[in-house]
């Protein structure tokens, strides 16, 4: 029996990157504006936020933008417009950060950890391998340690698959990063959303079984994770729900609309 009541998709920005960064072997001259999302889940036992977006304050300040983005190799800055504000979208739904008691992190790159600082009161669920990788590796293009380097974060370190609540299964999908995780959400209707996160950015990754552009967790693991999610999506009533796909997002119900 699922404890999920409603599932919201919060579109919190875009990042413009070479397609080859998401789909191995693509022409690197082709640039794609990829959506950045958070998922808000209402359950019988409270609110869960899945990933926390990107901190746009570092984009508005030229010095911070240089420090955290251009000096690390970002050729084009991410776009976070006022309409993408995470806090404003939560407010429209009637949710404040203090109402969110659990946070799921797919992995610890900057477009997923930006507002983790606002949820230090919550339990934060991440794979142990990801936590070790993110906290022991020097800063690089994808991560911003200042997003999560707080002594009071209540880390809940996982070793593989786990159920967060009935109807929300955390699925270990290493490859893109060593401790990447995806999720399966079972809606009240019975539909199962297979949330890929960055195991594969586009539907193409899954249709072609094509690797992501980067796989710090290893190509073999990345391909196995894509195949695992494909198998989950073959279950009756299941569907793949890609995270960074610029075409797929155009057909998604965006908050304050929701799935149930």
Foldseek 3Di string as FASTA:
>chain_A
DAQWAWKFKQFFWWAKAQVCQFFPPDDRVDIDTWTQIKMWTQGPVFIEIEFDFAACVLVVDVVSCVVQAVVQPRPDDIDGDPSRDPQVLCVVLVDHLVRHAEYEYQAAWRRGQHQVVSNQNHEYEFAPQRVCCQVVDPDHNTHDVVSPPDPSRNYDHDHAWDAPGGQKIWGAQAWLHQGGIWIWGQYPVRAIETELESLHQEVCCLVVLGGRSHTNNDPVSSSVSSVVSVVVQPPPRYHYDHRTHPVSVVPDDHPVDIDD
